[in-house]
Amino acid sequence: MDTTPYQEFAKEKLGFSFNDIGLLVTALTHRSYMNEHQKTAREHNERLEYLGDAVLELVTSDFLYRNYDYPEGVMTALRAALVRTESIGEAGKELGYEPLVRLSKGEQKGTERAHESILADCFEAVIGAIYLDQGYEVAREFIAKHILTKIDTVLKEESWRDPKSYMQELAQKNDGFTPTYRTLKEEGPDHNKTFTVGVYVDGNLRGTGVGHSKQEAQTEAAREGIRKYREDNMS
């Protein structure tokens, strides 16, 4: 295969050339692609993802330990906020490697949620590829640039806190009531349902959320409710 686009991506976006460009190609190869190209694709990215996940967790843990004097539970929550699927999927979009990701035709037509998860998995696999090809320090610098820079936003927005617990705390503090959640809508087939949930405080709708489970939708509704409380307090 022509690896030129991958080599150009590495030079332009990562700032170095891979010694083994095949590692980057593999990092951006989804399992589904292998099923359609068994004769030409050498490997999918799950092993690299496994390795990259471990490097990402170590670098993030080390950064938090050295820079913040928080209890273990808070640092664990901060780390989870930094490396959750949404965060690293967004980092992947910012890097712009999506056109290079090799997917089956079926996965190419998948949902936005599925694509976000794939981009996040690829990000971890790219970390694994960088670690094997360039070493720990280059991998650490990559993570620092694309993930650890988000720490100020995480702290400012308190996105490390459990949204439902924090929503309850704000509702009781500001209005004197415990929030309740109601399912407003269910759509789609059983294997791919979408739920819309509202969070109510004293009968008033404070936020809505959408997810592929009621729990996920409740979490998103709580996040919106938290944003509205923040806006109210700022006005």
C-alpha atoms as a PDB file:
ATOM      1  CA  MET A   1       0.000   0.000   0.000  1.00  0.00           C
ATOM      2  CA  ASP A   2       1.002   3.634  -0.450  1.00  0.00           C
ATOM      3  CA  THR A   3       2.051   4.920   2.963  1.00  0.00           C
ATOM      4  CA  THR A   4       2.787   8.455   1.743  1.00  0.00           C
ATOM      5  CA  PRO A   5      -0.332  10.016   3.374  1.00  0.00           C
ATOM      6  CA  TYR A   6       0.655   8.468   6.717  1.00  0.00           C
ATOM      7  CA  GLN A   7       4.237   9.693   6.404  1.00  0.00           C
ATOM      8  CA  GLU A   8       3.036  13.196   5.570  1.00  0.00           C
ATOM      9  CA  PHE A   9       0.609  13.151   8.495  1.00  0.00           C
ATOM     10  CA  ALA A  10       3.395  12.139  10.883  1.00  0.00           C
ATOM     11  CA  LYS A  11       5.697  14.927   9.705  1.00  0.00           C
ATOM     12  CA  GLU A  12       3.021  17.646   9.616  1.00  0.00           C
ATOM     13  CA  LYS A  13       0.902  16.774  12.651  1.00  0.00           C
ATOM     14  CA  LEU A  14       3.238  14.796  14.897  1.00  0.00           C
ATOM     15  CA  GLY A  15       6.464  16.573  14.063  1.00  0.00           C
ATOM     16  CA  PHE A  16       8.618  13.538  13.274  1.00  0.00           C
ATOM     17  CA  SER A  17       9.026  10.680  10.817  1.00  0.00           C
ATOM     18  CA  PHE A  18       8.270   7.122  11.912  1.00  0.00           C
ATOM     19  CA  ASN A  19      11.120   4.631  11.655  1.00  0.00           C
ATOM     20  CA  ASP A  20       8.452   2.002  10.960  1.00  0.00           C
ATOM     21  CA  ILE A  21       5.512   3.741   9.286  1.00  0.00           C
ATOM     22  CA  GLY A  22       3.665   0.433   9.421  1.00  0.00           C
ATOM     23  CA  LEU A  23       3.073   1.047  13.127  1.00  0.00           C
ATOM     24  CA  LEU A  24       1.097   4.195  12.366  1.00  0.00           C
ATOM     25  CA  VAL A  25      -0.840   2.428   9.610  1.00  0.00           C
ATOM     26  CA  THR A  26      -1.710  -0.352  12.046  1.00  0.00           C
ATOM     27  CA  ALA A  27      -2.711   2.174  14.728  1.00  0.00           C
ATOM     28  CA  LEU A  28      -5.305   3.568  12.316  1.00  0.00           C
ATOM     29  CA  THR A  29      -6.618   0.180  11.146  1.00  0.00           C
ATOM     30  CA  HIS A  30      -9.916  -0.923  12.697  1.00  0.00           C
ATOM     31  CA  ARG A  31     -10.683  -4.596  13.215  1.00  0.00           C
ATOM     32  CA  SER A  32     -13.557  -4.394  10.708  1.00  0.00           C
ATOM     33  CA  TYR A  33     -11.143  -3.445   7.916  1.00  0.00           C
ATOM     34  CA  MET A  34      -9.245  -6.703   8.450  1.00  0.00           C
ATOM     35  CA  ASN A  35     -12.374  -8.708   7.759  1.00  0.00           C
ATOM     36  CA  GLU A  36     -12.584  -7.234   4.237  1.00  0.00           C
ATOM     37  CA  HIS A  37      -8.833  -7.124   3.503  1.00  0.00           C
ATOM     38  CA  GLN A  38      -7.396 -10.262   5.060  1.00  0.00           C
ATOM     39  CA  LYS A  39      -4.795 -10.687   2.316  1.00  0.00           C
ATOM     40  CA  THR A  40      -3.374  -7.151   2.417  1.00  0.00           C
ATOM     41  CA  ALA A  41      -3.827  -5.795   5.975  1.00  0.00           C
ATOM     42  CA  ARG A  42      -1.213  -7.134   8.355  1.00  0.00           C
ATOM     43  CA  GLU A  43      -2.819  -6.310  11.702  1.00  0.00           C
ATOM     44  CA  HIS A  44      -5.573  -4.238  13.338  1.00  0.00           C
ATOM     45  CA  ASN A  45      -4.995  -1.717  16.108  1.00  0.00           C
ATOM     46  CA  GLU A  46      -6.281  -3.431  19.245  1.00  0.00           C
ATOM     47  CA  ARG A  47      -2.872  -4.524  20.566  1.00  0.00           C
ATOM     48  CA  LEU A  48      -1.466  -1.030  20.045  1.00  0.00           C
ATOM     49  CA  GLU A  49      -4.564   0.412  21.711  1.00  0.00           C
ATOM     50  CA  TYR A  50      -3.930  -1.783  24.741  1.00  0.00           C
ATOM     51  CA  LEU A  51      -0.349  -0.535  24.989  1.00  0.00           C
ATOM     52  CA  GLY A  52      -1.253   3.104  24.343  1.00  0.00           C
ATOM     53  CA  ASP A  53      -3.951   3.036  27.009  1.00  0.00           C
ATOM     54  CA  ALA A  54      -1.358   1.970  29.590  1.00  0.00           C
ATOM     55  CA  VAL A  55       1.100   4.687  28.515  1.00  0.00           C
ATOM     56  CA  LEU A  56      -1.667   7.315  28.552  1.00  0.00           C
ATOM     57  CA  GLU A  57      -2.727   6.328  32.058  1.00  0.00           C
ATOM     58  CA  LEU A  58       0.861   6.376  33.352  1.00  0.00           C
ATOM     59  CA  VAL A  59       1.701   9.779  31.841  1.00  0.00           C
ATOM     60  CA  THR A  60      -1.555  11.318  33.076  1.00  0.00           C
ATOM     61  CA  SER A  61      -1.169   9.842  36.555  1.00  0.00           C
ATOM     62  CA  ASP A  62       2.417  11.071  36.805  1.00  0.00           C
ATOM     63  CA  PHE A  63       1.401  14.563  35.662  1.00  0.00           C
ATOM     64  CA  LEU A  64      -1.396  14.830  38.225  1.00  0.00           C
ATOM     65  CA  TYR A  65       0.763  13.453  41.039  1.00  0.00           C
ATOM     66  CA  ARG A  66       3.573  15.916  40.371  1.00  0.00           C
ATOM     67  CA  ASN A  67       1.399  18.998  39.880  1.00  0.00           C
ATOM     68  CA  TYR A  68      -1.613  18.662  42.191  1.00  0.00           C
ATOM     69  CA  ASP A  69      -1.864  17.857  45.883  1.00  0.00           C
ATOM     70  CA  TYR A  70      -5.297  16.215  45.774  1.00  0.00           C
ATOM     71  CA  PRO A  71      -6.514  13.055  47.525  1.00  0.00           C
ATOM     72  CA  GLU A  72      -6.312   9.811  45.557  1.00  0.00           C
ATOM     73  CA  GLY A  73     -10.037   9.776  44.800  1.00  0.00           C
ATOM     74  CA  VAL A  74     -10.003  13.257  43.269  1.00  0.00           C
ATOM     75  CA  MET A  75      -6.919  12.495  41.177  1.00  0.00           C
ATOM     76  CA  THR A  76      -8.563   9.319  39.902  1.00  0.00           C
ATOM     77  CA  ALA A  77     -11.631  11.340  38.881  1.00  0.00           C
ATOM     78  CA  LEU A  78      -9.444  13.995  37.219  1.00  0.00           C
ATOM     79  CA  ARG A  79      -7.586  11.334  35.258  1.00  0.00           C
ATOM     80  CA  ALA A  80     -10.863   9.765  34.155  1.00  0.00           C
ATOM     81  CA  ALA A  81     -12.114  13.148  32.930  1.00  0.00           C
ATOM     82  CA  LEU A  82      -8.937  13.732  30.926  1.00  0.00           C
ATOM     83  CA  VAL A  83      -8.827  10.321  29.236  1.00  0.00           C
ATOM     84  CA  ARG A  84     -12.517   9.511  28.758  1.00  0.00           C
ATOM     85  CA  THR A  85     -13.687   8.566  25.268  1.00  0.00           C
ATOM     86  CA  GLU A  86     -15.138  12.005  24.524  1.00  0.00           C
ATOM     87  CA  SER A  87     -11.892  13.780  25.423  1.00  0.00           C
ATOM     88  CA  ILE A  88      -9.515  11.612  23.432  1.00  0.00           C
ATOM     89  CA  GLY A  89     -11.993  11.280  20.559  1.00  0.00           C
ATOM     90  CA  GLU A  90     -12.050  15.078  20.337  1.00  0.00           C
ATOM     91  CA  ALA A  91      -8.251  15.132  20.436  1.00  0.00           C
ATOM     92  CA  GLY A  92      -8.283  12.735  17.493  1.00  0.00           C
ATOM     93  CA  LYS A  93     -10.573  15.039  15.534  1.00  0.00           C
ATOM     94  CA  GLU A  94      -8.284  17.973  16.260  1.00  0.00           C
ATOM     95  CA  LEU A  95      -5.298  15.996  14.972  1.00  0.00           C
ATOM     96  CA  GLY A  96      -7.188  15.275  11.772  1.00  0.00           C
ATOM     97  CA  TYR A  97      -6.342  11.607  11.222  1.00  0.00           C
ATOM     98  CA  GLU A  98      -9.953  10.550  10.597  1.00  0.00           C
ATOM     99  CA  PRO A  99      -9.505  10.341   6.779  1.00  0.00           C
ATOM    100  CA  LEU A 100      -6.589   7.931   7.338  1.00  0.00           C
ATOM    101  CA  VAL A 101      -8.550   5.514   9.554  1.00  0.00           C
ATOM    102  CA  ARG A 102      -9.163   2.238   7.725  1.00  0.00           C
ATOM    103  CA  LEU A 103     -12.687   0.929   8.293  1.00  0.00           C
ATOM    104  CA  SER A 104     -14.997  -1.579   6.671  1.00  0.00           C
ATOM    105  CA  LYS A 105     -17.719  -0.187   4.434  1.00  0.00           C
ATOM    106  CA  GLY A 106     -20.254  -1.031   7.113  1.00  0.00           C
ATOM    107  CA  GLU A 107     -18.398   0.835   9.858  1.00  0.00           C
ATOM    108  CA  GLN A 108     -18.003   3.839   7.563  1.00  0.00           C
ATOM    109  CA  LYS A 109     -21.797   4.152   7.654  1.00  0.00           C
ATOM    110  CA  GLY A 110     -21.940   3.779  11.453  1.00  0.00           C
ATOM    111  CA  THR A 111     -23.355   6.236  13.951  1.00  0.00           C
ATOM    112  CA  GLU A 112     -21.563   9.359  15.146  1.00  0.00           C
ATOM    113  CA  ARG A 113     -21.227   7.745  18.562  1.00  0.00           C
ATOM    114  CA  ALA A 114     -19.531   4.689  17.022  1.00  0.00           C
ATOM    115  CA  HIS A 115     -17.137   6.894  15.053  1.00  0.00           C
ATOM    116  CA  GLU A 116     -16.249   8.857  18.187  1.00  0.00           C
ATOM    117  CA  SER A 117     -15.374   5.617  19.971  1.00  0.00           C
ATOM    118  CA  ILE A 118     -13.268   4.437  17.015  1.00  0.00           C
ATOM    119  CA  LEU A 119     -11.380   7.755  16.906  1.00  0.00           C
ATOM    120  CA  ALA A 120     -10.687   7.461  20.633  1.00  0.00           C
ATOM    121  CA  ASP A 121      -9.410   3.899  20.239  1.00  0.00           C
ATOM    122  CA  CYS A 122      -7.173   5.058  17.380  1.00  0.00           C
ATOM    123  CA  PHE A 123      -5.777   7.845  19.546  1.00  0.00           C
ATOM    124  CA  GLU A 124      -4.665   5.324  22.151  1.00  0.00           C
ATOM    125  CA  ALA A 125      -3.259   3.097  19.412  1.00  0.00           C
ATOM    126  CA  VAL A 126      -1.297   6.043  17.981  1.00  0.00           C
ATOM    127  CA  ILE A 127       0.199   6.587  21.457  1.00  0.00           C
ATOM    128  CA  GLY A 128       1.221   2.928  21.466  1.00  0.00           C
ATOM    129  CA  ALA A 129       2.779   3.296  18.022  1.00  0.00           C
ATOM    130  CA  ILE A 130       4.695   6.437  19.040  1.00  0.00           C
ATOM    131  CA  TYR A 131       5.926   4.732  22.213  1.00  0.00           C
ATOM    132  CA  LEU A 132       7.260   1.713  20.300  1.00  0.00           C
ATOM    133  CA  ASP A 133       8.777   3.761  17.485  1.00  0.00           C
ATOM    134  CA  GLN A 134      10.065   6.862  19.273  1.00  0.00           C
ATOM    135  CA  GLY A 135      10.212   5.983  22.950  1.00  0.00           C
ATOM    136  CA  TYR A 136       8.546   7.072  26.168  1.00  0.00           C
ATOM    137  CA  GLU A 137       9.637  10.728  26.160  1.00  0.00           C
ATOM    138  CA  VAL A 138       8.190  11.467  22.721  1.00  0.00           C
ATOM    139  CA  ALA A 139       4.962   9.688  23.690  1.00  0.00           C
ATOM    140  CA  ARG A 140       4.831  11.738  26.889  1.00  0.00           C
ATOM    141  CA  GLU A 141       5.268  14.985  24.961  1.00  0.00           C
ATOM    142  CA  PHE A 142       2.493  13.957  22.553  1.00  0.00           C
ATOM    143  CA  ILE A 143       0.110  13.274  25.449  1.00  0.00           C
ATOM    144  CA  ALA A 144       1.097  16.493  27.212  1.00  0.00           C
ATOM    145  CA  LYS A 145       0.340  18.528  24.095  1.00  0.00           C
ATOM    146  CA  HIS A 146      -2.965  16.937  23.155  1.00  0.00           C
ATOM    147  CA  ILE A 147      -4.466  15.764  26.475  1.00  0.00           C
ATOM    148  CA  LEU A 148      -2.845  17.341  29.527  1.00  0.00           C
ATOM    149  CA  THR A 149      -3.417  20.864  28.224  1.00  0.00           C
ATOM    150  CA  LYS A 150      -7.130  20.284  28.886  1.00  0.00           C
ATOM    151  CA  ILE A 151      -6.626  20.146  32.664  1.00  0.00           C
ATOM    152  CA  ASP A 152      -7.484  23.829  33.213  1.00  0.00           C
ATOM    153  CA  THR A 153     -10.847  23.366  31.478  1.00  0.00           C
ATOM    154  CA  VAL A 154     -11.554  20.192  33.459  1.00  0.00           C
ATOM    155  CA  LEU A 155     -10.864  22.024  36.727  1.00  0.00           C
ATOM    156  CA  LYS A 156     -12.759  25.164  35.754  1.00  0.00           C
ATOM    157  CA  GLU A 157     -15.874  23.289  34.590  1.00  0.00           C
ATOM    158  CA  GLU A 158     -15.526  20.637  37.324  1.00  0.00           C
ATOM    159  CA  SER A 159     -16.201  18.012  34.677  1.00  0.00           C
ATOM    160  CA  TRP A 160     -14.256  15.524  36.822  1.00  0.00           C
ATOM    161  CA  ARG A 161     -17.149  15.384  39.265  1.00  0.00           C
ATOM    162  CA  ASP A 162     -19.917  12.811  38.872  1.00  0.00           C
ATOM    163  CA  PRO A 163     -22.601  14.818  37.005  1.00  0.00           C
ATOM    164  CA  LYS A 164     -25.634  13.354  38.778  1.00  0.00           C
ATOM    165  CA  SER A 165     -24.131  13.768  42.242  1.00  0.00           C
ATOM    166  CA  TYR A 166     -23.043  17.315  41.464  1.00  0.00           C
ATOM    167  CA  MET A 167     -26.437  18.154  39.972  1.00  0.00           C
ATOM    168  CA  GLN A 168     -28.105  16.948  43.175  1.00  0.00           C
ATOM    169  CA  GLU A 169     -25.729  19.065  45.258  1.00  0.00           C
ATOM    170  CA  LEU A 170     -26.471  22.193  43.212  1.00  0.00           C
ATOM    171  CA  ALA A 171     -30.233  21.610  43.169  1.00  0.00           C
ATOM    172  CA  GLN A 172     -30.402  21.188  46.923  1.00  0.00           C
ATOM    173  CA  LYS A 173     -28.125  24.172  47.539  1.00  0.00           C
ATOM    174  CA  ASN A 174     -29.897  26.567  45.141  1.00  0.00           C
ATOM    175  CA  ASP A 175     -33.513  25.387  45.219  1.00  0.00           C
ATOM    176  CA  GLY A 176     -33.840  23.116  48.225  1.00  0.00           C
ATOM    177  CA  PHE A 177     -35.074  20.153  46.161  1.00  0.00           C
ATOM    178  CA  THR A 178     -33.655  16.836  44.984  1.00  0.00           C
ATOM    179  CA  PRO A 179     -33.685  16.476  41.164  1.00  0.00           C
ATOM    180  CA  THR A 180     -35.743  13.780  39.472  1.00  0.00           C
ATOM    181  CA  TYR A 181     -35.309  12.238  36.026  1.00  0.00           C
ATOM    182  CA  ARG A 182     -38.022  11.420  33.507  1.00  0.00           C
ATOM    183  CA  THR A 183     -37.715   9.594  30.215  1.00  0.00           C
ATOM    184  CA  LEU A 184     -39.176  11.929  27.596  1.00  0.00           C
ATOM    185  CA  LYS A 185     -38.659   9.870  24.472  1.00  0.00           C
ATOM    186  CA  GLU A 186     -37.493   6.458  23.241  1.00  0.00           C
ATOM    187  CA  GLU A 187     -36.522   6.023  19.602  1.00  0.00           C
ATOM    188  CA  GLY A 188     -34.978   3.376  17.366  1.00  0.00           C
ATOM    189  CA  PRO A 189     -34.847  -0.433  17.280  1.00  0.00           C
ATOM    190  CA  ASP A 190     -34.109  -2.450  20.410  1.00  0.00           C
ATOM    191  CA  HIS A 191     -30.454  -3.017  19.446  1.00  0.00           C
ATOM    192  CA  ASN A 192     -29.821   0.706  18.896  1.00  0.00           C
ATOM    193  CA  LYS A 193     -32.269   2.682  21.032  1.00  0.00           C
ATOM    194  CA  THR A 194     -31.875   6.365  21.798  1.00  0.00           C
ATOM    195  CA  PHE A 195     -33.323   7.794  25.000  1.00  0.00           C
ATOM    196  CA  THR A 196     -34.126  11.420  25.767  1.00  0.00           C
ATOM    197  CA  VAL A 197     -34.296  12.192  29.482  1.00  0.00           C
ATOM    198  CA  GLY A 198     -35.174  15.376  31.346  1.00  0.00           C
ATOM    199  CA  VAL A 199     -33.949  16.383  34.794  1.00  0.00           C
ATOM    200  CA  TYR A 200     -36.523  18.276  36.873  1.00  0.00           C
ATOM    201  CA  VAL A 201     -36.130  20.361  40.027  1.00  0.00           C
ATOM    202  CA  ASP A 202     -39.349  21.211  41.865  1.00  0.00           C
ATOM    203  CA  GLY A 203     -41.276  20.297  38.717  1.00  0.00           C
ATOM    204  CA  ASN A 204     -39.213  22.578  36.457  1.00  0.00           C
ATOM    205  CA  LEU A 205     -37.181  21.168  33.576  1.00  0.00           C
ATOM    206  CA  ARG A 206     -33.521  22.032  34.202  1.00  0.00           C
ATOM    207  CA  GLY A 207     -31.846  20.028  31.457  1.00  0.00           C
ATOM    208  CA  THR A 208     -32.274  17.334  28.821  1.00  0.00           C
ATOM    209  CA  GLY A 209     -29.891  14.643  27.648  1.00  0.00           C
ATOM    210  CA  VAL A 210     -29.722  12.013  24.934  1.00  0.00           C
ATOM    211  CA  GLY A 211     -27.991   8.640  25.153  1.00  0.00           C
ATOM    212  CA  HIS A 212     -28.093   4.998  24.137  1.00  0.00           C
ATOM    213  CA  SER A 213     -29.144   4.026  27.661  1.00  0.00           C
ATOM    214  CA  LYS A 214     -31.293   5.769  30.241  1.00  0.00           C
ATOM    215  CA  GLN A 215     -28.258   6.105  32.511  1.00  0.00           C
ATOM    216  CA  GLU A 216     -26.226   7.795  29.795  1.00  0.00           C
ATOM    217  CA  ALA A 217     -29.100  10.139  28.964  1.00  0.00           C
ATOM    218  CA  GLN A 218     -29.547  11.009  32.657  1.00  0.00           C
ATOM    219  CA  THR A 219     -25.840  11.851  32.896  1.00  0.00           C
ATOM    220  CA  GLU A 220     -26.073  14.162  29.880  1.00  0.00           C
ATOM    221  CA  ALA A 221     -29.202  15.797  31.301  1.00  0.00           C
ATOM    222  CA  ALA A 222     -27.360  16.386  34.583  1.00  0.00           C
ATOM    223  CA  ARG A 223     -24.458  17.995  32.684  1.00  0.00           C
ATOM    224  CA  GLU A 224     -26.860  20.419  31.008  1.00  0.00           C
ATOM    225  CA  GLY A 225     -28.520  21.153  34.335  1.00  0.00           C
ATOM    226  CA  ILE A 226     -25.120  21.946  35.852  1.00  0.00           C
ATOM    227  CA  ARG A 227     -24.339  24.326  32.980  1.00  0.00           C
ATOM    228  CA  LYS A 228     -27.611  26.165  33.561  1.00  0.00           C
ATOM    229  CA  TYR A 229     -26.933  26.533  37.284  1.00  0.00           C
ATOM    230  CA  ARG A 230     -23.529  27.998  36.421  1.00  0.00           C
ATOM    231  CA  GLU A 231     -25.128  30.443  33.988  1.00  0.00           C
ATOM    232  CA  ASP A 232     -27.679  31.449  36.598  1.00  0.00           C
ATOM    233  CA  ASN A 233     -24.955  32.116  39.149  1.00  0.00           C
ATOM    234  CA  MET A 234     -22.944  34.178  36.671  1.00  0.00           C
ATOM    235  CA  SER A 235     -25.866  36.412  35.686  1.00  0.00           C
END
